[in-house]
Structure formats: structure tokens, C-alpha cells
Amino acid sequence: MQFKGTLKQQYGNFTDDDLKQIEGNDDTFVGKVQERYGDKKDELLKWVEPWHKPAAAETATQKTR
């Protein structure tokens, strides 16, 4: 998934185990990033938002099939 690659580029200290825990859970993602990097929640949610749009569109397409 492209998101994981981008996440590792932006926040290089994430392990594969971290990514498994974070997957699909914004609150866990925000908590992990804040814990390691001190970023603000609103900034993190803005960073994540574009990744939700393609996933939401894909889910809607699958439901209509």
C-alpha cells in the first residue's frame, strides 16, 4: 500500500509491527505519531485525510457491485 511507504518516509521510526497496529485506526496512528514525534493531532488528521478519500471511494464501489 502506498500509504505505508509514504508514512515510513514521513515518519521513519515506524516498524512493521507499528504499521500493523495503526492500520485502519486513525486514533492509534495519531497517538503513535504524537508519542514519537510530538506532532499536533489536527495536523496529523489533515495529513491522513487524503488517504481516506481513495479508500472510501473504493469501499463505495465495492458495495455497489
C-alpha atoms as a PDB file:
ATOM      1  CA  MET A   1       0.000   0.000   0.000  1.00  0.00           C
ATOM      2  CA  GLN A   2       1.329   3.410  -0.927  1.00  0.00           C
ATOM      3  CA  PHE A   3       0.250   4.930   2.387  1.00  0.00           C
ATOM      4  CA  LYS A   4       2.678   2.745   4.349  1.00  0.00           C
ATOM      5  CA  GLY A   5       5.584   3.790   2.145  1.00  0.00           C
ATOM      6  CA  THR A   6       4.729   7.451   2.491  1.00  0.00           C
ATOM      7  CA  LEU A   7       4.255   7.040   6.231  1.00  0.00           C
ATOM      8  CA  LYS A   8       7.694   5.456   6.571  1.00  0.00           C
ATOM      9  CA  GLN A   9       9.222   8.322   4.558  1.00  0.00           C
ATOM     10  CA  GLN A  10       7.493  10.976   6.655  1.00  0.00           C
ATOM     11  CA  TYR A  11       7.940   9.203   9.991  1.00  0.00           C
ATOM     12  CA  GLY A  12      10.870   6.805   9.630  1.00  0.00           C
ATOM     13  CA  ASN A  13      10.806   5.327  13.129  1.00  0.00           C
ATOM     14  CA  PHE A  14       7.767   3.131  12.499  1.00  0.00           C
ATOM     15  CA  THR A  15       8.310  -0.613  12.499  1.00  0.00           C
ATOM     16  CA  ASP A  16       6.225  -3.120  10.562  1.00  0.00           C
ATOM     17  CA  ASP A  17       4.539  -4.033  13.866  1.00  0.00           C
ATOM     18  CA  ASP A  18       3.629  -0.371  14.394  1.00  0.00           C
ATOM     19  CA  LEU A  19       2.118  -0.229  10.923  1.00  0.00           C
ATOM     20  CA  LYS A  20       0.008  -3.309  11.637  1.00  0.00           C
ATOM     21  CA  GLN A  21      -1.305  -1.700  14.841  1.00  0.00           C
ATOM     22  CA  ILE A  22      -2.013   1.598  13.102  1.00  0.00           C
ATOM     23  CA  GLU A  23      -3.679   0.133  10.012  1.00  0.00           C
ATOM     24  CA  GLY A  24      -7.208   1.459   9.699  1.00  0.00           C
ATOM     25  CA  ASN A  25      -7.214   3.242  13.039  1.00  0.00           C
ATOM     26  CA  ASP A  26      -6.716   6.999  12.998  1.00  0.00           C
ATOM     27  CA  ASP A  27      -6.661   7.321  16.778  1.00  0.00           C
ATOM     28  CA  THR A  28      -3.869   4.754  17.092  1.00  0.00           C
ATOM     29  CA  PHE A  29      -1.948   6.472  14.286  1.00  0.00           C
ATOM     30  CA  VAL A  30      -2.279   9.884  15.901  1.00  0.00           C
ATOM     31  CA  GLY A  31      -1.275   8.517  19.300  1.00  0.00           C
ATOM     32  CA  LYS A  32       1.821   6.755  17.953  1.00  0.00           C
ATOM     33  CA  VAL A  33       2.995   9.792  15.981  1.00  0.00           C
ATOM     34  CA  GLN A  34       2.386  12.158  18.884  1.00  0.00           C
ATOM     35  CA  GLU A  35       4.256   9.794  21.200  1.00  0.00           C
ATOM     36  CA  ARG A  36       7.317   9.617  18.953  1.00  0.00           C
ATOM     37  CA  TYR A  37       7.372  12.967  17.188  1.00  0.00           C
ATOM     38  CA  GLY A  38       5.150  15.351  19.163  1.00  0.00           C
ATOM     39  CA  ASP A  39       3.095  16.393  16.136  1.00  0.00           C
ATOM     40  CA  LYS A  40      -0.272  18.026  16.757  1.00  0.00           C
ATOM     41  CA  LYS A  41      -3.443  15.984  16.296  1.00  0.00           C
ATOM     42  CA  ASP A  42      -5.122  18.383  13.849  1.00  0.00           C
ATOM     43  CA  GLU A  43      -2.021  18.445  11.634  1.00  0.00           C
ATOM     44  CA  LEU A  44      -1.853  14.651  11.623  1.00  0.00           C
ATOM     45  CA  LEU A  45      -5.514  14.272  10.738  1.00  0.00           C
ATOM     46  CA  LYS A  46      -5.060  16.695   7.821  1.00  0.00           C
ATOM     47  CA  TRP A  47      -2.113  14.585   6.643  1.00  0.00           C
ATOM     48  CA  VAL A  48      -4.204  11.390   6.820  1.00  0.00           C
ATOM     49  CA  GLU A  49      -7.369  12.812   5.222  1.00  0.00           C
ATOM     50  CA  PRO A  50      -6.321  12.487   1.547  1.00  0.00           C
ATOM     51  CA  TRP A  51      -5.627   8.786   2.114  1.00  0.00           C
ATOM     52  CA  HIS A  52      -9.200   8.244   3.301  1.00  0.00           C
ATOM     53  CA  LYS A  53     -10.797   9.617   0.142  1.00  0.00           C
ATOM     54  CA  PRO A  54      -9.494   6.897  -2.229  1.00  0.00           C
ATOM     55  CA  ALA A  55     -10.252   4.187   0.336  1.00  0.00           C
ATOM     56  CA  ALA A  56     -13.789   5.487   0.851  1.00  0.00           C
ATOM     57  CA  ALA A  57     -14.388   5.619  -2.904  1.00  0.00           C
ATOM     58  CA  GLU A  58     -13.124   2.048  -3.289  1.00  0.00           C
ATOM     59  CA  THR A  59     -15.390   0.826  -0.487  1.00  0.00           C
ATOM     60  CA  ALA A  60     -18.410   2.544  -2.067  1.00  0.00           C
ATOM     61  CA  THR A  61     -17.604   0.943  -5.429  1.00  0.00           C
ATOM     62  CA  GLN A  62     -17.383  -2.491  -3.839  1.00  0.00           C
ATOM     63  CA  LYS A  63     -20.762  -2.037  -2.116  1.00  0.00           C
ATOM     64  CA  THR A  64     -22.497  -1.185  -5.399  1.00  0.00           C
ATOM     65  CA  ARG A  65     -21.260  -4.329  -7.143  1.00  0.00           C
END
